[in-house]
Amino acid sequence: MRRQSSMRFLSFGLILVVSLGPAQMVGRAVSSIPGAVVDPAGSAVAQAKVIATCADTGISQSKDTNGAGIVTFANLEVGMYNVAVTATGFGTKAISCVTVEVSKQRGLNFTLAVAGSTETAVVTATEPLKQNEAK
């Protein structure tokens, strides 16, 4: 009786392992990419859209920076990634060939230029100086 109960338990365990499949039994190799986005003055750029695209699969993940300009992509499968950042009022910045490795984090920091920024010169007109007439 006891032997029959043990066999049922083993059979149930075997069915469970087979039904889970190899992908669920073996963990995926993952890591993360933390990053920060700032403007030319070093101030945080909140709500910047950051897109990480796996070069091998073409699969993209998109996240927005928080109020401190920080973003983290967690649980990325290992491989090569292209990372791009855009924000309203700023230009776009991209980094290609970012290697994601298990147990190694590579922080990415982006400084976005102000979109359409130009330098302005202020000119103030004055009357020309009069020369003293000496006779």
N, C-alpha and C. Protein backbone atom coordinates (compact mmCIF):
# COMPACT_ATOMS: atom_id res chain seq x y z
N MET A 1 0.82 -1.19 0.00
CA MET A 1 0.00 0.00 0.00
C MET A 1 0.87 1.25 0.00
N ARG A 2 1.88 1.20 0.85
CA ARG A 2 2.78 2.34 0.94
C ARG A 2 3.55 2.53 -0.36
N ARG A 3 3.94 1.45 -0.98
CA ARG A 3 4.68 1.51 -2.24
C ARG A 3 3.80 2.10 -3.34
N GLN A 4 2.55 1.78 -3.36
CA GLN A 4 1.64 2.30 -4.36
C GLN A 4 1.46 3.82 -4.18
N SER A 5 1.41 4.27 -2.95
CA SER A 5 1.29 5.70 -2.66
C SER A 5 2.54 6.45 -3.13
N SER A 6 3.70 5.86 -2.92
CA SER A 6 4.95 6.48 -3.37
C SER A 6 5.01 6.57 -4.89
N MET A 7 4.51 5.54 -5.56
CA MET A 7 4.51 5.53 -7.02
C MET A 7 3.58 6.62 -7.57
N ARG A 8 2.44 6.81 -6.93
CA ARG A 8 1.52 7.87 -7.35
C ARG A 8 2.18 9.24 -7.19
N PHE A 9 2.87 9.43 -6.08
CA PHE A 9 3.54 10.71 -5.82
C PHE A 9 4.62 10.96 -6.89
N LEU A 10 5.41 9.95 -7.20
CA LEU A 10 6.44 10.09 -8.22
C LEU A 10 5.83 10.34 -9.59
N SER A 11 4.75 9.66 -9.89
CA SER A 11 4.07 9.87 -11.17
C SER A 11 3.55 11.30 -11.28
N PHE A 12 2.95 11.79 -10.20
CA PHE A 12 2.46 13.17 -10.20
C PHE A 12 3.62 14.15 -10.40
N GLY A 13 4.74 13.90 -9.72
CA GLY A 13 5.92 14.76 -9.87
C GLY A 13 6.44 14.77 -11.29
N LEU A 14 6.47 13.61 -11.91
CA LEU A 14 6.94 13.50 -13.29
C LEU A 14 6.01 14.25 -14.24
N ILE A 15 4.71 14.12 -14.06
CA ILE A 15 3.74 14.84 -14.89
C ILE A 15 3.91 16.34 -14.72
N LEU A 16 4.13 16.78 -13.49
CA LEU A 16 4.31 18.20 -13.22
C LEU A 16 5.55 18.73 -13.93
N VAL A 17 6.66 18.02 -13.85
CA VAL A 17 7.91 18.45 -14.49
C VAL A 17 7.74 18.51 -16.00
N VAL A 18 7.10 17.50 -16.58
CA VAL A 18 6.90 17.48 -18.04
C VAL A 18 5.97 18.60 -18.47
N SER A 19 4.94 18.88 -17.69
CA SER A 19 3.99 19.92 -18.09
C SER A 19 4.58 21.31 -17.98
N LEU A 20 5.53 21.52 -17.07
CA LEU A 20 6.17 22.83 -16.96
C LEU A 20 7.06 23.11 -18.16
N GLY A 21 7.67 22.10 -18.69
CA GLY A 21 8.53 22.29 -19.86
C GLY A 21 9.89 22.78 -19.46
N PRO A 22 10.85 22.68 -20.36
CA PRO A 22 12.22 23.07 -20.04
C PRO A 22 12.40 24.56 -19.81
N ALA A 23 11.62 25.40 -20.46
CA ALA A 23 11.81 26.85 -20.31
C ALA A 23 11.51 27.31 -18.90
N GLN A 24 10.50 26.71 -18.26
CA GLN A 24 10.16 27.11 -16.91
C GLN A 24 11.10 26.50 -15.88
N MET A 25 11.70 25.36 -16.20
CA MET A 25 12.59 24.69 -15.26
C MET A 25 13.96 25.34 -15.26
N VAL A 26 14.42 25.78 -16.40
CA VAL A 26 15.73 26.40 -16.50
C VAL A 26 15.53 27.91 -16.57
N GLY A 27 16.17 28.64 -15.67
CA GLY A 27 16.01 30.09 -15.66
C GLY A 27 16.65 30.75 -16.86
N ARG A 28 16.06 31.85 -17.29
CA ARG A 28 16.64 32.63 -18.38
C ARG A 28 17.82 33.42 -17.84
N ALA A 29 18.79 33.65 -18.68
CA ALA A 29 19.93 34.49 -18.30
C ALA A 29 19.51 35.94 -18.49
N VAL A 30 19.38 36.68 -17.40
CA VAL A 30 18.92 38.06 -17.46
C VAL A 30 19.82 38.99 -16.65
N SER A 31 19.70 40.26 -16.95
CA SER A 31 20.39 41.30 -16.21
C SER A 31 19.58 42.59 -16.37
N SER A 32 20.17 43.72 -16.03
CA SER A 32 19.42 44.98 -16.13
C SER A 32 20.32 46.11 -16.63
N ILE A 33 19.66 47.17 -17.09
CA ILE A 33 20.35 48.38 -17.52
C ILE A 33 19.74 49.54 -16.73
N PRO A 34 20.48 50.10 -15.78
CA PRO A 34 20.01 51.32 -15.13
C PRO A 34 20.53 52.54 -15.90
N GLY A 35 19.86 53.67 -15.77
CA GLY A 35 20.33 54.86 -16.47
C GLY A 35 19.72 56.14 -15.93
N ALA A 36 20.30 57.25 -16.37
CA ALA A 36 19.82 58.57 -15.97
C ALA A 36 19.83 59.47 -17.20
N VAL A 37 18.86 60.40 -17.23
CA VAL A 37 18.75 61.35 -18.34
C VAL A 37 18.73 62.76 -17.75
N VAL A 38 19.66 63.60 -18.24
CA VAL A 38 19.76 64.97 -17.75
C VAL A 38 19.84 65.94 -18.93
N ASP A 39 19.61 67.23 -18.63
CA ASP A 39 19.75 68.28 -19.65
C ASP A 39 21.17 68.82 -19.59
N PRO A 40 21.55 69.77 -20.47
CA PRO A 40 22.92 70.28 -20.48
C PRO A 40 23.36 70.91 -19.15
N ALA A 41 22.42 71.39 -18.35
CA ALA A 41 22.77 71.98 -17.05
C ALA A 41 22.90 70.93 -15.95
N GLY A 42 22.60 69.66 -16.28
CA GLY A 42 22.71 68.59 -15.31
C GLY A 42 21.42 68.33 -14.54
N SER A 43 20.34 69.00 -14.92
CA SER A 43 19.05 68.78 -14.27
C SER A 43 18.37 67.55 -14.85
N ALA A 44 17.64 66.85 -14.01
CA ALA A 44 16.95 65.63 -14.43
C ALA A 44 15.90 65.93 -15.49
N VAL A 45 15.77 65.04 -16.45
CA VAL A 45 14.72 65.13 -17.47
C VAL A 45 13.68 64.07 -17.13
N ALA A 46 12.55 64.51 -16.57
CA ALA A 46 11.48 63.60 -16.21
C ALA A 46 10.65 63.25 -17.44
N GLN A 47 10.07 62.07 -17.43
CA GLN A 47 9.18 61.59 -18.49
C GLN A 47 9.86 61.48 -19.86
N ALA A 48 11.17 61.30 -19.87
CA ALA A 48 11.86 61.01 -21.14
C ALA A 48 11.55 59.57 -21.51
N LYS A 49 11.33 59.31 -22.78
CA LYS A 49 11.04 57.95 -23.25
C LYS A 49 12.35 57.28 -23.61
N VAL A 50 12.61 56.14 -22.96
CA VAL A 50 13.83 55.37 -23.19
C VAL A 50 13.42 54.03 -23.79
N ILE A 51 14.02 53.67 -24.92
CA ILE A 51 13.68 52.43 -25.61
C ILE A 51 14.94 51.57 -25.73
N ALA A 52 14.86 50.35 -25.22
CA ALA A 52 15.95 49.38 -25.33
C ALA A 52 15.50 48.30 -26.31
N THR A 53 16.28 48.12 -27.39
CA THR A 53 15.94 47.15 -28.43
C THR A 53 17.04 46.10 -28.51
N CYS A 54 16.66 44.84 -28.38
CA CYS A 54 17.63 43.74 -28.50
C CYS A 54 18.05 43.62 -29.96
N ALA A 55 19.35 43.72 -30.22
CA ALA A 55 19.86 43.66 -31.59
C ALA A 55 19.65 42.27 -32.21
N ASP A 56 19.63 41.23 -31.37
CA ASP A 56 19.48 39.86 -31.88
C ASP A 56 18.05 39.53 -32.26
N THR A 57 17.08 39.98 -31.45
CA THR A 57 15.69 39.59 -31.66
C THR A 57 14.81 40.70 -32.21
N GLY A 58 15.24 41.95 -32.05
CA GLY A 58 14.42 43.08 -32.47
C GLY A 58 13.33 43.44 -31.48
N ILE A 59 13.27 42.73 -30.36
CA ILE A 59 12.25 43.01 -29.34
C ILE A 59 12.64 44.26 -28.55
N SER A 60 11.67 45.18 -28.41
CA SER A 60 11.91 46.44 -27.72
C SER A 60 11.11 46.52 -26.43
N GLN A 61 11.69 47.23 -25.48
CA GLN A 61 11.00 47.60 -24.25
C GLN A 61 11.09 49.11 -24.13
N SER A 62 10.02 49.73 -23.68
CA SER A 62 9.99 51.18 -23.55
C SER A 62 9.61 51.54 -22.12
N LYS A 63 10.33 52.52 -21.55
CA LYS A 63 10.03 53.00 -20.20
C LYS A 63 10.23 54.51 -20.18
N ASP A 64 9.55 55.17 -19.27
CA ASP A 64 9.73 56.61 -19.06
C ASP A 64 10.57 56.83 -17.81
N THR A 65 11.39 57.88 -17.84
CA THR A 65 12.17 58.22 -16.66
C THR A 65 11.23 58.73 -15.57
N ASN A 66 11.65 58.57 -14.32
CA ASN A 66 10.86 59.08 -13.22
C ASN A 66 11.17 60.57 -13.00
N GLY A 67 10.66 61.15 -11.95
CA GLY A 67 10.87 62.57 -11.68
C GLY A 67 12.32 62.96 -11.48
N ALA A 68 13.16 61.99 -11.11
CA ALA A 68 14.59 62.25 -10.92
C ALA A 68 15.39 61.93 -12.18
N GLY A 69 14.71 61.63 -13.29
CA GLY A 69 15.39 61.32 -14.55
C GLY A 69 15.99 59.92 -14.59
N ILE A 70 15.56 59.04 -13.69
CA ILE A 70 16.12 57.70 -13.58
C ILE A 70 15.20 56.69 -14.27
N VAL A 71 15.83 55.70 -14.91
CA VAL A 71 15.09 54.60 -15.55
C VAL A 71 15.90 53.32 -15.34
N THR A 72 15.20 52.20 -15.19
CA THR A 72 15.87 50.90 -15.08
C THR A 72 15.10 49.87 -15.88
N PHE A 73 15.82 49.20 -16.76
CA PHE A 73 15.26 48.06 -17.49
C PHE A 73 15.71 46.81 -16.73
N ALA A 74 14.77 46.13 -16.09
CA ALA A 74 15.09 44.91 -15.34
C ALA A 74 14.73 43.69 -16.18
N ASN A 75 15.36 42.59 -15.87
CA ASN A 75 15.07 41.30 -16.51
C ASN A 75 15.23 41.31 -18.02
N LEU A 76 16.25 41.99 -18.51
CA LEU A 76 16.56 41.92 -19.94
C LEU A 76 17.36 40.66 -20.21
N GLU A 77 17.01 39.96 -21.27
CA GLU A 77 17.80 38.79 -21.64
C GLU A 77 19.18 39.25 -22.08
N VAL A 78 20.19 38.46 -21.78
CA VAL A 78 21.55 38.84 -22.15
C VAL A 78 21.66 38.98 -23.66
N GLY A 79 22.53 39.88 -24.10
CA GLY A 79 22.73 40.12 -25.52
C GLY A 79 23.12 41.56 -25.76
N MET A 80 23.07 41.95 -27.02
CA MET A 80 23.41 43.31 -27.44
C MET A 80 22.13 44.13 -27.58
N TYR A 81 22.17 45.37 -27.09
CA TYR A 81 21.01 46.25 -27.15
C TYR A 81 21.38 47.60 -27.73
N ASN A 82 20.41 48.22 -28.38
CA ASN A 82 20.51 49.61 -28.82
C ASN A 82 19.53 50.38 -27.93
N VAL A 83 20.01 51.48 -27.34
CA VAL A 83 19.19 52.24 -26.40
C VAL A 83 19.06 53.66 -26.93
N ALA A 84 17.82 54.16 -27.03
CA ALA A 84 17.55 55.51 -27.53
C ALA A 84 16.69 56.26 -26.53
N VAL A 85 16.91 57.59 -26.46
CA VAL A 85 16.16 58.43 -25.52
C VAL A 85 15.60 59.64 -26.28
N THR A 86 14.33 59.94 -26.03
CA THR A 86 13.70 61.14 -26.58
C THR A 86 12.89 61.80 -25.47
N ALA A 87 12.76 63.11 -25.56
CA ALA A 87 11.94 63.85 -24.60
C ALA A 87 11.43 65.11 -25.28
N THR A 88 10.24 65.52 -24.91
CA THR A 88 9.64 66.72 -25.46
C THR A 88 10.54 67.92 -25.16
N GLY A 89 10.86 68.69 -26.21
CA GLY A 89 11.71 69.86 -26.05
C GLY A 89 13.19 69.58 -26.12
N PHE A 90 13.55 68.31 -26.33
CA PHE A 90 14.96 67.92 -26.40
C PHE A 90 15.21 67.11 -27.67
N GLY A 91 16.48 66.99 -28.03
CA GLY A 91 16.85 66.16 -29.16
C GLY A 91 16.85 64.69 -28.76
N THR A 92 17.17 63.82 -29.69
CA THR A 92 17.24 62.38 -29.45
C THR A 92 18.69 61.97 -29.29
N LYS A 93 18.94 61.02 -28.40
CA LYS A 93 20.29 60.50 -28.18
C LYS A 93 20.20 58.99 -28.20
N ALA A 94 21.20 58.32 -28.77
CA ALA A 94 21.19 56.86 -28.84
C ALA A 94 22.58 56.30 -28.58
N ILE A 95 22.61 55.10 -28.01
CA ILE A 95 23.85 54.35 -27.81
C ILE A 95 23.62 52.97 -28.41
N SER A 96 24.53 52.55 -29.29
CA SER A 96 24.41 51.24 -29.93
C SER A 96 25.35 50.24 -29.27
N CYS A 97 25.02 48.98 -29.46
CA CYS A 97 25.87 47.87 -29.04
C CYS A 97 26.17 47.86 -27.53
N VAL A 98 25.13 48.02 -26.73
CA VAL A 98 25.26 47.92 -25.28
C VAL A 98 25.18 46.44 -24.93
N THR A 99 26.21 45.91 -24.32
CA THR A 99 26.25 44.50 -23.97
C THR A 99 25.61 44.29 -22.60
N VAL A 100 24.60 43.42 -22.56
CA VAL A 100 23.95 43.06 -21.30
C VAL A 100 24.45 41.67 -20.92
N GLU A 101 25.11 41.58 -19.76
CA GLU A 101 25.67 40.32 -19.29
C GLU A 101 25.11 39.97 -17.92
N VAL A 102 25.07 38.68 -17.62
CA VAL A 102 24.57 38.22 -16.33
C VAL A 102 25.46 38.77 -15.22
N SER A 103 24.84 39.27 -14.18
CA SER A 103 25.51 39.77 -12.98
C SER A 103 26.41 40.98 -13.23
N LYS A 104 26.29 41.62 -14.38
CA LYS A 104 27.06 42.84 -14.65
C LYS A 104 26.09 43.91 -15.12
N GLN A 105 26.09 45.04 -14.42
CA GLN A 105 25.23 46.15 -14.81
C GLN A 105 26.09 47.25 -15.39
N ARG A 106 25.65 47.78 -16.49
CA ARG A 106 26.33 48.92 -17.12
C ARG A 106 25.36 50.08 -17.09
N GLY A 107 25.64 51.05 -16.27
CA GLY A 107 24.77 52.21 -16.19
C GLY A 107 24.95 53.10 -17.41
N LEU A 108 23.85 53.59 -17.94
CA LEU A 108 23.89 54.48 -19.10
C LEU A 108 23.38 55.85 -18.68
N ASN A 109 24.17 56.86 -18.96
CA ASN A 109 23.77 58.22 -18.65
C ASN A 109 23.69 59.02 -19.94
N PHE A 110 22.59 59.73 -20.11
CA PHE A 110 22.34 60.49 -21.32
C PHE A 110 22.22 61.97 -20.97
N THR A 111 22.87 62.82 -21.75
CA THR A 111 22.67 64.27 -21.66
C THR A 111 22.00 64.70 -22.95
N LEU A 112 20.77 65.18 -22.83
CA LEU A 112 20.00 65.58 -24.01
C LEU A 112 20.18 67.07 -24.26
N ALA A 113 20.45 67.41 -25.51
CA ALA A 113 20.53 68.81 -25.92
C ALA A 113 19.12 69.37 -26.09
N VAL A 114 18.97 70.65 -25.83
CA VAL A 114 17.68 71.30 -26.02
C VAL A 114 17.40 71.35 -27.52
N ALA A 115 16.21 70.95 -27.92
CA ALA A 115 15.84 70.94 -29.34
C ALA A 115 15.72 72.35 -29.87
N GLY A 116 16.28 72.59 -31.04
CA GLY A 116 16.17 73.88 -31.69
C GLY A 116 16.84 75.01 -30.93
N SER A 117 17.80 74.66 -30.08
CA SER A 117 18.45 75.72 -29.31
C SER A 117 19.34 76.56 -30.23
N THR A 118 19.30 77.85 -30.03
CA THR A 118 20.12 78.77 -30.80
C THR A 118 20.70 79.79 -29.84
N GLU A 119 21.78 80.41 -30.26
CA GLU A 119 22.36 81.47 -29.46
C GLU A 119 21.78 82.79 -29.93
N THR A 120 21.49 83.65 -29.00
CA THR A 120 20.91 84.94 -29.34
C THR A 120 21.87 86.03 -28.89
N ALA A 121 22.14 86.95 -29.79
CA ALA A 121 22.98 88.10 -29.44
C ALA A 121 22.06 89.30 -29.28
N VAL A 122 22.23 90.02 -28.19
CA VAL A 122 21.42 91.20 -27.95
C VAL A 122 22.26 92.41 -28.32
N VAL A 123 21.73 93.22 -29.21
CA VAL A 123 22.44 94.42 -29.66
C VAL A 123 21.61 95.63 -29.24
N THR A 124 22.27 96.54 -28.55
CA THR A 124 21.59 97.76 -28.13
C THR A 124 22.20 98.92 -28.91
N ALA A 125 21.36 99.66 -29.61
CA ALA A 125 21.84 100.78 -30.42
C ALA A 125 21.95 102.02 -29.55
N THR A 126 23.03 102.75 -29.74
CA THR A 126 23.21 104.03 -29.04
C THR A 126 23.62 105.07 -30.07
N GLU A 127 23.44 106.30 -29.70
CA GLU A 127 23.88 107.38 -30.60
C GLU A 127 25.39 107.40 -30.66
N PRO A 128 25.93 107.68 -31.82
CA PRO A 128 27.39 107.77 -31.89
C PRO A 128 27.90 108.93 -31.04
N LEU A 129 29.06 108.73 -30.49
CA LEU A 129 29.66 109.79 -29.69
C LEU A 129 30.04 110.96 -30.59
N LYS A 130 29.82 112.18 -30.11
CA LYS A 130 30.19 113.37 -30.88
C LYS A 130 31.60 113.76 -30.52
N GLN A 131 32.35 114.15 -31.53
CA GLN A 131 33.72 114.61 -31.27
C GLN A 131 33.67 116.10 -30.93
N ASN A 132 34.52 116.50 -30.03
CA ASN A 132 34.63 117.92 -29.70
C ASN A 132 35.30 118.64 -30.84
N GLU A 133 34.71 119.74 -31.22
CA GLU A 133 35.31 120.52 -32.29
C GLU A 133 36.26 121.54 -31.67
N ALA A 134 37.49 121.43 -32.01
CA ALA A 134 38.47 122.40 -31.48
C ALA A 134 38.97 123.27 -32.60
N LYS A 135 38.79 124.58 -32.46
CA LYS A 135 39.26 125.52 -33.45
C LYS A 135 40.04 126.56 -32.82
